[in-house]
C-alpha atoms as a PDB file:
ATOM      1  CA  MET A   1      -7.752   4.433  19.184  1.00  0.00           C
ATOM      2  CA  ASP A   2      -4.522   5.278  17.435  1.00  0.00           C
ATOM      3  CA  ILE A   3      -2.578   5.007  20.709  1.00  0.00           C
ATOM      4  CA  LYS A   4       0.797   5.751  19.027  1.00  0.00           C
ATOM      5  CA  SER A   5      -0.363   9.221  18.161  1.00  0.00           C
ATOM      6  CA  LEU A   6      -1.186  10.023  21.844  1.00  0.00           C
ATOM      7  CA  ASP A   7       1.331  11.926  24.026  1.00  0.00           C
ATOM      8  CA  LEU A   8       2.179  10.567  27.468  1.00  0.00           C
ATOM      9  CA  LYS A   9      -0.375  12.580  29.311  1.00  0.00           C
ATOM     10  CA  GLU A  10      -3.146  11.517  26.909  1.00  0.00           C
ATOM     11  CA  LEU A  11      -2.004   7.926  27.025  1.00  0.00           C
ATOM     12  CA  LYS A  12      -2.143   7.900  30.901  1.00  0.00           C
ATOM     13  CA  GLU A  13      -5.654   9.247  30.768  1.00  0.00           C
ATOM     14  CA  TYR A  14      -6.737   6.685  28.175  1.00  0.00           C
ATOM     15  CA  MET A  15      -5.190   3.833  30.136  1.00  0.00           C
ATOM     16  CA  THR A  16      -7.035   5.042  33.304  1.00  0.00           C
ATOM     17  CA  GLN A  17     -10.256   4.915  31.290  1.00  0.00           C
ATOM     18  CA  LEU A  18      -9.383   1.320  30.440  1.00  0.00           C
ATOM     19  CA  SER A  19      -8.883   0.631  34.194  1.00  0.00           C
ATOM     20  CA  TYR A  20      -5.128   0.201  33.930  1.00  0.00           C
ATOM     21  CA  PRO A  21      -2.730   2.005  36.420  1.00  0.00           C
ATOM     22  CA  ALA A  22      -0.917   5.080  35.046  1.00  0.00           C
ATOM     23  CA  TYR A  23       2.475   3.563  35.233  1.00  0.00           C
ATOM     24  CA  ARG A  24       1.416   1.002  32.547  1.00  0.00           C
ATOM     25  CA  ALA A  25       0.980   3.975  30.182  1.00  0.00           C
ATOM     26  CA  ALA A  26       4.658   4.995  30.821  1.00  0.00           C
ATOM     27  CA  GLN A  27       5.808   1.448  30.013  1.00  0.00           C
ATOM     28  CA  LEU A  28       3.641   1.309  26.922  1.00  0.00           C
ATOM     29  CA  TYR A  29       4.929   4.698  25.799  1.00  0.00           C
ATOM     30  CA  GLU A  30       8.548   3.557  26.170  1.00  0.00           C
ATOM     31  CA  TRP A  31       7.973   0.428  24.120  1.00  0.00           C
ATOM     32  CA  MET A  32       6.413   2.515  21.315  1.00  0.00           C
ATOM     33  CA  HIS A  33       8.607   5.587  21.247  1.00  0.00           C
ATOM     34  CA  VAL A  34      12.021   4.576  22.663  1.00  0.00           C
ATOM     35  CA  LYS A  35      12.320   0.862  21.961  1.00  0.00           C
ATOM     36  CA  MET A  36      10.401   1.369  18.817  1.00  0.00           C
ATOM     37  CA  CYS A  37       8.751  -2.113  19.007  1.00  0.00           C
ATOM     38  CA  SER A  38       6.601  -3.501  16.248  1.00  0.00           C
ATOM     39  CA  GLY A  39       3.679  -4.811  18.255  1.00  0.00           C
ATOM     40  CA  PHE A  40       2.020  -5.419  21.636  1.00  0.00           C
ATOM     41  CA  GLY A  41       3.497  -8.910  21.753  1.00  0.00           C
ATOM     42  CA  GLU A  42       7.035  -7.527  22.316  1.00  0.00           C
ATOM     43  CA  MET A  43       5.989  -5.599  25.461  1.00  0.00           C
ATOM     44  CA  THR A  44       7.268  -8.247  27.893  1.00  0.00           C
ATOM     45  CA  ASN A  45       6.849  -6.126  31.125  1.00  0.00           C
ATOM     46  CA  LEU A  46       3.132  -5.781  30.453  1.00  0.00           C
ATOM     47  CA  PRO A  47       0.793  -8.551  31.721  1.00  0.00           C
ATOM     48  CA  LYS A  48      -0.088 -11.099  29.116  1.00  0.00           C
ATOM     49  CA  ASP A  49      -3.863 -10.415  29.378  1.00  0.00           C
ATOM     50  CA  MET A  50      -3.333  -6.742  28.920  1.00  0.00           C
ATOM     51  CA  ARG A  51      -1.181  -7.258  25.767  1.00  0.00           C
ATOM     52  CA  GLN A  52      -3.892  -9.610  24.442  1.00  0.00           C
ATOM     53  CA  LYS A  53      -6.709  -7.170  25.152  1.00  0.00           C
ATOM     54  CA  LEU A  54      -4.814  -4.208  23.646  1.00  0.00           C
ATOM     55  CA  SER A  55      -4.008  -6.217  20.481  1.00  0.00           C
ATOM     56  CA  GLU A  56      -7.647  -6.935  20.072  1.00  0.00           C
ATOM     57  CA  THR A  57      -9.087  -3.472  20.718  1.00  0.00           C
ATOM     58  CA  GLU A  58      -6.429  -0.847  19.851  1.00  0.00           C
ATOM     59  CA  ASP A  59      -4.876   0.274  16.569  1.00  0.00           C
ATOM     60  CA  PHE A  60      -1.037  -0.143  16.713  1.00  0.00           C
ATOM     61  CA  THR A  61       0.569   1.712  13.718  1.00  0.00           C
ATOM     62  CA  HIS A  62       3.383  -0.373  12.244  1.00  0.00           C
ATOM     63  CA  LEU A  63       4.793   0.313   8.758  1.00  0.00           C
ATOM     64  CA  THR A  64       6.211  -2.536   6.732  1.00  0.00           C
ATOM     65  CA  ILE A  65       9.191  -2.151   4.334  1.00  0.00           C
ATOM     66  CA  ALA A  66       7.794  -2.884   0.876  1.00  0.00           C
ATOM     67  CA  ALA A  67      10.941  -1.990  -1.060  1.00  0.00           C
ATOM     68  CA  LYS A  68      14.376  -0.658  -0.303  1.00  0.00           C
ATOM     69  CA  GLN A  69      17.116   0.818  -2.540  1.00  0.00           C
ATOM     70  CA  VAL A  70      20.605   1.479  -1.406  1.00  0.00           C
ATOM     71  CA  SER A  71      22.764   3.889  -3.352  1.00  0.00           C
ATOM     72  CA  ALA A  72      26.049   2.520  -4.518  1.00  0.00           C
ATOM     73  CA  GLU A  73      27.308   6.128  -4.803  1.00  0.00           C
ATOM     74  CA  ASP A  74      26.798   7.416  -1.255  1.00  0.00           C
ATOM     75  CA  GLY A  75      24.945   4.840   0.861  1.00  0.00           C
ATOM     76  CA  THR A  76      21.668   6.819   0.868  1.00  0.00           C
ATOM     77  CA  ILE A  77      18.686   4.494   1.359  1.00  0.00           C
ATOM     78  CA  LYS A  78      15.299   5.018  -0.198  1.00  0.00           C
ATOM     79  CA  TYR A  79      12.398   3.198   1.509  1.00  0.00           C
ATOM     80  CA  LEU A  80       8.991   2.380   0.327  1.00  0.00           C
ATOM     81  CA  PHE A  81       6.691   1.688   3.235  1.00  0.00           C
ATOM     82  CA  SER A  82       3.318  -0.217   3.205  1.00  0.00           C
ATOM     83  CA  LEU A  83       0.635   1.352   5.327  1.00  0.00           C
ATOM     84  CA  GLY A  84      -2.106  -0.635   7.161  1.00  0.00           C
ATOM     85  CA  ASP A  85      -4.640   0.168   4.518  1.00  0.00           C
ATOM     86  CA  GLY A  86      -2.545  -0.911   1.515  1.00  0.00           C
ATOM     87  CA  ASN A  87      -1.278   2.552   0.629  1.00  0.00           C
ATOM     88  CA  TYR A  88       2.443   3.391   0.205  1.00  0.00           C
ATOM     89  CA  VAL A  89       4.696   6.155   1.236  1.00  0.00           C
ATOM     90  CA  GLU A  90       8.385   6.936   0.665  1.00  0.00           C
ATOM     91  CA  SER A  91      11.163   7.994   3.087  1.00  0.00           C
ATOM     92  CA  VAL A  92      14.897   8.529   2.571  1.00  0.00           C
ATOM     93  CA  PHE A  93      17.820   7.886   4.960  1.00  0.00           C
ATOM     94  CA  MET A  94      20.858  10.121   4.444  1.00  0.00           C
ATOM     95  CA  ARG A  95      24.228  10.179   6.155  1.00  0.00           C
ATOM     96  CA  TYR A  96      25.962  13.477   6.719  1.00  0.00           C
ATOM     97  CA  HIS A  97      29.041  14.437   8.765  1.00  0.00           C
ATOM     98  CA  HIS A  98      26.712  16.227  11.264  1.00  0.00           C
ATOM     99  CA  GLY A  99      24.520  13.037  11.798  1.00  0.00           C
ATOM    100  CA  ASN A 100      21.860  10.974  10.134  1.00  0.00           C
ATOM    101  CA  SER A 101      18.935  12.583   8.523  1.00  0.00           C
ATOM    102  CA  VAL A 102      15.595  11.103   7.513  1.00  0.00           C
ATOM    103  CA  CYS A 103      13.264  12.803   5.017  1.00  0.00           C
ATOM    104  CA  ILE A 104       9.671  11.651   5.681  1.00  0.00           C
ATOM    105  CA  SER A 105       6.362  11.935   3.878  1.00  0.00           C
ATOM    106  CA  SER A 106       3.330  13.669   5.455  1.00  0.00           C
ATOM    107  CA  GLN A 107       0.557  12.527   3.010  1.00  0.00           C
ATOM    108  CA  VAL A 108      -0.207   9.689   0.604  1.00  0.00           C
ATOM    109  CA  GLY A 109       0.214  11.580  -2.608  1.00  0.00           C
ATOM    110  CA  CYS A 110      -0.247  15.335  -2.876  1.00  0.00           C
ATOM    111  CA  ARG A 111      -2.765  17.719  -4.285  1.00  0.00           C
ATOM    112  CA  MET A 112      -0.497  20.780  -4.743  1.00  0.00           C
ATOM    113  CA  GLY A 113       0.269  19.962  -8.376  1.00  0.00           C
ATOM    114  CA  CYS A 114       3.749  21.367  -8.623  1.00  0.00           C
ATOM    115  CA  ARG A 115       4.770  20.729 -12.261  1.00  0.00           C
ATOM    116  CA  PHE A 116       8.272  19.389 -11.610  1.00  0.00           C
ATOM    117  CA  CYS A 117       7.345  16.928  -8.781  1.00  0.00           C
ATOM    118  CA  ALA A 118       6.491  13.213  -9.191  1.00  0.00           C
ATOM    119  CA  SER A 119       4.676  13.109  -5.798  1.00  0.00           C
ATOM    120  CA  THR A 120       1.674  14.969  -7.175  1.00  0.00           C
ATOM    121  CA  LEU A 121       1.091  13.096 -10.415  1.00  0.00           C
ATOM    122  CA  ASP A 122      -1.819  10.927  -8.996  1.00  0.00           C
ATOM    123  CA  GLY A 123      -3.223  13.536  -6.631  1.00  0.00           C
ATOM    124  CA  LEU A 124      -3.879  13.229  -2.963  1.00  0.00           C
ATOM    125  CA  THR A 125      -5.124   9.885  -1.456  1.00  0.00           C
ATOM    126  CA  ARG A 126      -5.181  10.814   2.266  1.00  0.00           C
ATOM    127  CA  ASN A 127      -3.268  12.473   5.110  1.00  0.00           C
ATOM    128  CA  LEU A 128      -0.811  10.494   7.269  1.00  0.00           C
ATOM    129  CA  THR A 129      -1.482  10.262  11.047  1.00  0.00           C
ATOM    130  CA  ALA A 130       1.112  11.505  13.417  1.00  0.00           C
ATOM    131  CA  SER A 131       2.001   7.881  14.179  1.00  0.00           C
ATOM    132  CA  GLU A 132       2.528   7.097  10.571  1.00  0.00           C
ATOM    133  CA  MET A 133       4.928   9.896  10.246  1.00  0.00           C
ATOM    134  CA  LEU A 134       6.796   8.830  13.429  1.00  0.00           C
ATOM    135  CA  ASP A 135       7.005   5.209  12.312  1.00  0.00           C
ATOM    136  CA  GLN A 136       8.853   6.051   9.135  1.00  0.00           C
ATOM    137  CA  ILE A 137      11.608   7.174  11.445  1.00  0.00           C
ATOM    138  CA  TYR A 138      11.261   4.258  13.829  1.00  0.00           C
ATOM    139  CA  ARG A 139      11.389   1.590  11.089  1.00  0.00           C
ATOM    140  CA  ILE A 140      14.460   3.272   9.541  1.00  0.00           C
ATOM    141  CA  SER A 141      16.253   3.456  12.880  1.00  0.00           C
ATOM    142  CA  VAL A 142      15.529  -0.216  13.568  1.00  0.00           C
ATOM    143  CA  ASP A 143      16.470  -1.287  10.039  1.00  0.00           C
ATOM    144  CA  THR A 144      19.829   0.642   9.959  1.00  0.00           C
ATOM    145  CA  GLY A 145      20.647   0.248  13.605  1.00  0.00           C
ATOM    146  CA  GLU A 146      21.718   3.857  13.566  1.00  0.00           C
ATOM    147  CA  ARG A 147      20.299   6.902  15.448  1.00  0.00           C
ATOM    148  CA  VAL A 148      18.431   9.571  13.560  1.00  0.00           C
ATOM    149  CA  SER A 149      19.356  13.062  14.656  1.00  0.00           C
ATOM    150  CA  ASN A 150      17.767  15.205  11.905  1.00  0.00           C
ATOM    151  CA  VAL A 151      14.296  15.003  10.444  1.00  0.00           C
ATOM    152  CA  VAL A 152      13.113  16.745   7.334  1.00  0.00           C
ATOM    153  CA  VAL A 153       9.363  16.759   6.537  1.00  0.00           C
ATOM    154  CA  MET A 154       9.974  17.320   2.849  1.00  0.00           C
ATOM    155  CA  GLY A 155       8.952  14.009   1.208  1.00  0.00           C
ATOM    156  CA  THR A 156       5.626  13.272  -0.386  1.00  0.00           C
ATOM    157  CA  GLY A 157       2.882  15.626   0.533  1.00  0.00           C
ATOM    158  CA  GLU A 158       2.297  19.163   1.717  1.00  0.00           C
ATOM    159  CA  PRO A 159       2.766  19.165   5.603  1.00  0.00           C
ATOM    160  CA  PHE A 160       0.651  22.291   6.021  1.00  0.00           C
ATOM    161  CA  ASP A 161      -2.172  20.576   4.208  1.00  0.00           C
ATOM    162  CA  ASN A 162      -2.025  18.127   7.176  1.00  0.00           C
ATOM    163  CA  PHE A 163      -1.150  20.769   9.813  1.00  0.00           C
ATOM    164  CA  ASP A 164      -2.711  19.259  12.974  1.00  0.00           C
ATOM    165  CA  ASN A 165      -1.054  15.939  12.463  1.00  0.00           C
ATOM    166  CA  PHE A 166       2.252  17.516  11.702  1.00  0.00           C
ATOM    167  CA  ILE A 167       2.114  19.547  14.907  1.00  0.00           C
ATOM    168  CA  ARG A 168       1.250  16.380  16.879  1.00  0.00           C
ATOM    169  CA  PHE A 169       4.157  14.585  15.193  1.00  0.00           C
ATOM    170  CA  GLU A 170       6.552  17.414  16.134  1.00  0.00           C
ATOM    171  CA  ARG A 171       5.448  17.239  19.744  1.00  0.00           C
ATOM    172  CA  LEU A 172       5.981  13.497  19.941  1.00  0.00           C
ATOM    173  CA  ILE A 173       9.344  13.310  18.131  1.00  0.00           C
ATOM    174  CA  THR A 174      10.823  15.997  20.356  1.00  0.00           C
ATOM    175  CA  ASP A 175       9.332  14.597  23.580  1.00  0.00           C
ATOM    176  CA  GLU A 176      12.081  13.897  26.163  1.00  0.00           C
ATOM    177  CA  ASN A 177      10.238  10.669  26.974  1.00  0.00           C
ATOM    178  CA  GLY A 178      10.547   9.518  23.380  1.00  0.00           C
ATOM    179  CA  LEU A 179      13.343   9.835  20.832  1.00  0.00           C
ATOM    180  CA  ASN A 180      14.006  13.343  22.084  1.00  0.00           C
ATOM    181  CA  ILE A 181      15.184  14.822  18.775  1.00  0.00           C
ATOM    182  CA  SER A 182      15.992  18.477  19.172  1.00  0.00           C
ATOM    183  CA  VAL A 183      13.310  20.764  17.666  1.00  0.00           C
ATOM    184  CA  ARG A 184      16.182  22.789  16.063  1.00  0.00           C
ATOM    185  CA  ASN A 185      16.958  19.606  14.096  1.00  0.00           C
ATOM    186  CA  ILE A 186      13.543  19.497  12.462  1.00  0.00           C
ATOM    187  CA  THR A 187      12.845  21.116   9.132  1.00  0.00           C
ATOM    188  CA  VAL A 188       9.410  21.424   7.616  1.00  0.00           C
ATOM    189  CA  SER A 189       8.847  22.579   4.017  1.00  0.00           C
ATOM    190  CA  THR A 190       5.717  24.192   2.611  1.00  0.00           C
ATOM    191  CA  CYS A 191       4.858  25.472  -0.850  1.00  0.00           C
ATOM    192  CA  GLY A 192       3.363  28.527   0.805  1.00  0.00           C
ATOM    193  CA  ILE A 193       0.036  27.988   2.665  1.00  0.00           C
ATOM    194  CA  VAL A 194       0.007  31.424   4.168  1.00  0.00           C
ATOM    195  CA  PRO A 195      -2.440  31.068   7.075  1.00  0.00           C
ATOM    196  CA  ARG A 196      -0.467  28.024   8.385  1.00  0.00           C
ATOM    197  CA  ILE A 197       2.763  30.001   8.295  1.00  0.00           C
ATOM    198  CA  TYR A 198       1.194  32.536  10.641  1.00  0.00           C
ATOM    199  CA  GLU A 199      -0.243  29.766  12.833  1.00  0.00           C
ATOM    200  CA  LEU A 200       3.211  28.059  13.089  1.00  0.00           C
ATOM    201  CA  ALA A 201       4.827  31.357  13.855  1.00  0.00           C
ATOM    202  CA  ASP A 202       2.456  31.939  16.765  1.00  0.00           C
ATOM    203  CA  LYS A 203       3.511  28.599  18.208  1.00  0.00           C
ATOM    204  CA  GLN A 204       7.066  29.961  18.384  1.00  0.00           C
ATOM    205  CA  LEU A 205       8.627  26.539  17.763  1.00  0.00           C
ATOM    206  CA  GLN A 206      12.443  26.636  17.147  1.00  0.00           C
ATOM    207  CA  LEU A 207      12.272  24.401  14.103  1.00  0.00           C
ATOM    208  CA  THR A 208      13.451  25.404  10.564  1.00  0.00           C
ATOM    209  CA  LEU A 209      10.813  26.587   8.180  1.00  0.00           C
ATOM    210  CA  ALA A 210      11.594  26.021   4.472  1.00  0.00           C
ATOM    211  CA  ILE A 211       9.543  27.673   1.732  1.00  0.00           C
ATOM    212  CA  SER A 212       9.352  25.976  -1.674  1.00  0.00           C
ATOM    213  CA  LEU A 213       9.750  29.146  -3.714  1.00  0.00           C
ATOM    214  CA  HIS A 214      11.086  28.058  -7.122  1.00  0.00           C
ATOM    215  CA  ALA A 215      10.363  31.350  -8.942  1.00  0.00           C
ATOM    216  CA  PRO A 216      10.950  35.085  -8.233  1.00  0.00           C
ATOM    217  CA  THR A 217       7.656  36.500  -9.579  1.00  0.00           C
ATOM    218  CA  ASP A 218       4.009  35.533  -9.410  1.00  0.00           C
ATOM    219  CA  GLU A 219       3.848  35.186 -13.165  1.00  0.00           C
ATOM    220  CA  LYS A 220       6.685  32.716 -13.350  1.00  0.00           C
ATOM    221  CA  ARG A 221       5.646  30.904 -10.253  1.00  0.00           C
ATOM    222  CA  ARG A 222       2.195  30.174 -11.637  1.00  0.00           C
ATOM    223  CA  LEU A 223       3.767  28.277 -14.490  1.00  0.00           C
ATOM    224  CA  LEU A 224       5.397  25.928 -11.992  1.00  0.00           C
ATOM    225  CA  MET A 225       3.119  25.828  -8.923  1.00  0.00           C
ATOM    226  CA  PRO A 226      -0.649  26.043  -8.869  1.00  0.00           C
ATOM    227  CA  ILE A 227      -0.604  27.244  -5.260  1.00  0.00           C
ATOM    228  CA  ALA A 228       0.655  30.582  -6.691  1.00  0.00           C
ATOM    229  CA  ASN A 229      -2.889  31.174  -7.926  1.00  0.00           C
ATOM    230  CA  LYS A 230      -4.167  31.255  -4.384  1.00  0.00           C
ATOM    231  CA  TYR A 231      -1.345  32.991  -2.514  1.00  0.00           C
ATOM    232  CA  SER A 232       0.899  35.755  -3.951  1.00  0.00           C
ATOM    233  CA  LEU A 233       4.567  36.119  -3.290  1.00  0.00           C
ATOM    234  CA  ALA A 234       3.808  39.353  -1.444  1.00  0.00           C
ATOM    235  CA  GLU A 235       1.458  37.415   0.930  1.00  0.00           C
ATOM    236  CA  ILE A 236       4.089  34.649   1.446  1.00  0.00           C
ATOM    237  CA  ILE A 237       6.950  37.109   2.097  1.00  0.00           C
ATOM    238  CA  GLY A 238       4.757  38.989   4.560  1.00  0.00           C
ATOM    239  CA  ALA A 239       4.080  35.782   6.487  1.00  0.00           C
ATOM    240  CA  CYS A 240       7.790  34.910   6.417  1.00  0.00           C
ATOM    241  CA  LYS A 241       8.663  38.280   7.890  1.00  0.00           C
ATOM    242  CA  TYR A 242       6.145  37.652  10.627  1.00  0.00           C
ATOM    243  CA  TYR A 243       7.611  34.233  11.207  1.00  0.00           C
ATOM    244  CA  VAL A 244      11.135  35.635  11.570  1.00  0.00           C
ATOM    245  CA  ASN A 245       9.974  38.364  13.947  1.00  0.00           C
ATOM    246  CA  LYS A 246       8.074  35.920  16.084  1.00  0.00           C
ATOM    247  CA  THR A 247      10.634  33.096  16.325  1.00  0.00           C
ATOM    248  CA  GLY A 248      14.012  34.707  15.603  1.00  0.00           C
ATOM    249  CA  ARG A 249      14.624  31.850  13.209  1.00  0.00           C
ATOM    250  CA  ARG A 250      16.065  32.221   9.751  1.00  0.00           C
ATOM    251  CA  ILE A 251      13.882  31.140   6.848  1.00  0.00           C
ATOM    252  CA  THR A 252      15.185  28.766   4.168  1.00  0.00           C
ATOM    253  CA  PHE A 253      13.972  29.245   0.602  1.00  0.00           C
ATOM    254  CA  GLU A 254      14.077  26.131  -1.664  1.00  0.00           C
ATOM    255  CA  TYR A 255      14.668  27.035  -5.199  1.00  0.00           C
ATOM    256  CA  SER A 256      14.588  24.209  -7.917  1.00  0.00           C
ATOM    257  CA  LEU A 257      16.453  25.311 -10.976  1.00  0.00           C
ATOM    258  CA  VAL A 258      14.701  24.438 -14.257  1.00  0.00           C
ATOM    259  CA  LYS A 259      16.610  25.045 -17.474  1.00  0.00           C
ATOM    260  CA  GLY A 260      15.296  28.150 -19.262  1.00  0.00           C
ATOM    261  CA  GLN A 261      12.442  28.605 -16.766  1.00  0.00           C
ATOM    262  CA  ASN A 262      13.818  30.194 -13.612  1.00  0.00           C
ATOM    263  CA  ASP A 263      17.644  30.134 -13.919  1.00  0.00           C
ATOM    264  CA  THR A 264      18.323  33.467 -15.823  1.00  0.00           C
ATOM    265  CA  ASN A 265      20.147  36.534 -14.823  1.00  0.00           C
ATOM    266  CA  GLU A 266      16.773  38.273 -14.870  1.00  0.00           C
ATOM    267  CA  CYS A 267      15.578  35.742 -12.310  1.00  0.00           C
ATOM    268  CA  ILE A 268      18.555  36.415 -10.071  1.00  0.00           C
ATOM    269  CA  SER A 269      17.799  40.169 -10.073  1.00  0.00           C
ATOM    270  CA  GLU A 270      14.139  39.604  -9.388  1.00  0.00           C
ATOM    271  CA  LEU A 271      14.827  37.095  -6.611  1.00  0.00           C
ATOM    272  CA  SER A 272      17.324  39.445  -4.937  1.00  0.00           C
ATOM    273  CA  SER A 273      14.701  42.216  -4.926  1.00  0.00           C
ATOM    274  CA  LEU A 274      12.064  39.929  -3.530  1.00  0.00           C
ATOM    275  CA  LEU A 275      14.111  38.696  -0.557  1.00  0.00           C
ATOM    276  CA  LYS A 276      16.063  41.848   0.193  1.00  0.00           C
ATOM    277  CA  GLY A 277      16.345  42.523   3.923  1.00  0.00           C
ATOM    278  CA  LEU A 278      14.887  39.154   4.961  1.00  0.00           C
ATOM    279  CA  ASN A 279      16.880  36.891   7.299  1.00  0.00           C
ATOM    280  CA  CYS A 280      17.092  33.933   5.053  1.00  0.00           C
ATOM    281  CA  HIS A 281      19.157  31.159   3.379  1.00  0.00           C
ATOM    282  CA  ILE A 282      18.667  30.217  -0.229  1.00  0.00           C
ATOM    283  CA  ASN A 283      18.994  26.479  -1.082  1.00  0.00           C
ATOM    284  CA  LEU A 284      19.457  25.885  -4.787  1.00  0.00           C
ATOM    285  CA  ILE A 285      18.248  22.500  -6.179  1.00  0.00           C
ATOM    286  CA  PRO A 286      19.117  21.283  -9.621  1.00  0.00           C
ATOM    287  CA  VAL A 287      15.655  19.868 -10.479  1.00  0.00           C
ATOM    288  CA  ASN A 288      15.260  15.998 -10.693  1.00  0.00           C
ATOM    289  CA  PRO A 289      13.903  15.221 -14.203  1.00  0.00           C
ATOM    290  CA  ILE A 290      10.865  12.994 -14.230  1.00  0.00           C
ATOM    291  CA  LYS A 291       9.701  11.204 -17.351  1.00  0.00           C
ATOM    292  CA  GLU A 292       6.097  12.495 -17.049  1.00  0.00           C
ATOM    293  CA  ARG A 293       7.326  16.155 -17.495  1.00  0.00           C
ATOM    294  CA  ASP A 294       9.612  17.697 -20.031  1.00  0.00           C
ATOM    295  CA  TYR A 295      11.527  19.916 -17.663  1.00  0.00           C
ATOM    296  CA  GLU A 296      15.326  19.868 -17.847  1.00  0.00           C
ATOM    297  CA  ARG A 297      17.714  20.656 -15.013  1.00  0.00           C
ATOM    298  CA  SER A 298      19.890  23.723 -15.339  1.00  0.00           C
ATOM    299  CA  THR A 299      23.515  23.310 -16.458  1.00  0.00           C
ATOM    300  CA  LYS A 300      26.268  23.274 -13.841  1.00  0.00           C
ATOM    301  CA  GLU A 301      27.455  26.615 -15.221  1.00  0.00           C
ATOM    302  CA  ALA A 302      23.939  28.142 -14.800  1.00  0.00           C
ATOM    303  CA  VAL A 303      23.676  26.841 -11.199  1.00  0.00           C
ATOM    304  CA  LEU A 304      27.049  28.214 -10.257  1.00  0.00           C
ATOM    305  CA  ASN A 305      26.265  31.530 -11.890  1.00  0.00           C
ATOM    306  CA  PHE A 306      23.000  31.767  -9.906  1.00  0.00           C
ATOM    307  CA  LYS A 307      24.812  30.951  -6.718  1.00  0.00           C
ATOM    308  CA  ASN A 308      27.666  33.333  -7.279  1.00  0.00           C
ATOM    309  CA  LYS A 309      25.550  36.341  -8.262  1.00  0.00           C
ATOM    310  CA  LEU A 310      23.207  35.835  -5.321  1.00  0.00           C
ATOM    311  CA  GLU A 311      26.176  35.722  -2.975  1.00  0.00           C
ATOM    312  CA  LYS A 312      27.520  38.981  -4.458  1.00  0.00           C
ATOM    313  CA  ASN A 313      24.088  40.416  -3.704  1.00  0.00           C
ATOM    314  CA  GLY A 314      24.575  39.545  -0.067  1.00  0.00           C
ATOM    315  CA  PHE A 315      22.656  36.294   0.366  1.00  0.00           C
ATOM    316  CA  ASN A 316      23.680  33.073   2.106  1.00  0.00           C
ATOM    317  CA  VAL A 317      23.377  30.452  -0.591  1.00  0.00           C
ATOM    318  CA  THR A 318      24.039  26.702  -0.893  1.00  0.00           C
ATOM    319  CA  ILE A 319      23.718  24.137  -3.659  1.00  0.00           C
ATOM    320  CA  ARG A 320      21.961  21.142  -2.253  1.00  0.00           C
ATOM    321  CA  ARG A 321      24.233  18.121  -2.120  1.00  0.00           C
ATOM    322  CA  GLU A 322      22.744  15.498  -4.307  1.00  0.00           C
ATOM    323  CA  LEU A 323      22.187  12.102  -2.766  1.00  0.00           C
ATOM    324  CA  GLY A 324      20.565   8.947  -4.070  1.00  0.00           C
ATOM    325  CA  GLY A 325      20.576   9.918  -7.755  1.00  0.00           C
ATOM    326  CA  ASP A 326      20.903   6.299  -8.742  1.00  0.00           C
ATOM    327  CA  ILE A 327      18.013   5.049  -6.683  1.00  0.00           C
ATOM    328  CA  ASP A 328      14.887   7.043  -7.654  1.00  0.00           C
ATOM    329  CA  GLY A 329      15.931   9.491  -4.999  1.00  0.00           C
ATOM    330  CA  ALA A 330      13.510  12.320  -5.790  1.00  0.00           C
ATOM    331  CA  CYS A 331      10.154  12.624  -4.027  1.00  0.00           C
ATOM    332  CA  GLY A 332       7.544  10.194  -5.436  1.00  0.00           C
ATOM    333  CA  GLN A 333       9.693   8.424  -7.990  1.00  0.00           C
ATOM    334  CA  LEU A 334       9.995   5.038  -6.295  1.00  0.00           C
ATOM    335  CA  ARG A 335       6.297   4.970  -5.266  1.00  0.00           C
ATOM    336  CA  LYS A 336       5.199   5.912  -8.759  1.00  0.00           C
ATOM    337  CA  ARG A 337       7.342   3.141 -10.303  1.00  0.00           C
ATOM    338  CA  TYR A 338       6.256   0.543  -7.801  1.00  0.00           C
ATOM    339  CA  MET A 339       2.551   1.361  -8.174  1.00  0.00           C
END
């Protein structure tokens, strides 16, 4: 049993099945999700024989730091974590004026195949459990000694390709009995798996949904993202409108700018037409070059031109602040090099 993925109610039921009183579950839950302990041996208010039995019979998810890079430029920390089965995932710790953010992975590898991303080069190995997503945050909190207030599920993997575990993760990380991170401080990014957007909308969670858009037409998007062969932009925008109507939350569109591919004035016009009337925010990202691809990032002039013209067309636009550029900061880079 992966007990770290159980919510408090489920844990109480499970402890009762094991003939332990319900209050032991509350103690166990606090050790795992508040004190963020690394094993049953640390749970000093549990009886010794209980700790011994649990360590022999239960799976306790605990990630190990395999590598760590600290940016000399801005203090951003890139972590490579070793999982229990010998696989590796990346996470990033970032300091902002509004609090500390952690970007976590949701899968080992990725099968989405986006052309500009290092995460997908070796395909998908497996999904992460809810506890493996949680423990990225816990290990970083313990290592830095600082509280995490914002979580971005935007590292390696497609969260909506691991939807059930993501929803369980969201429930645990926002639980008032655990770290109690506000659901409004959670962002999840998808490349556009349409049925899951509708499913998330129906749950009416107050998190931030980010769509990895990266192109203003189906034709251009197919050159960058294989998922565009399955779901059209019309289907994605329809799902986004449904999400906004259901939740009242503004959608974020992530747009990685690739020189000569999607940064032209024509693209600005097409993007403006696509998103017209939708309650949204556009986040422009100068693409991180990776050696396995020949894409180049847009020039600073092209990025500013893109931003200024979109703003003149009435959109709320930001250029993503770049962090960790000197430490393999982009998704998948550190893991790829380490492997």
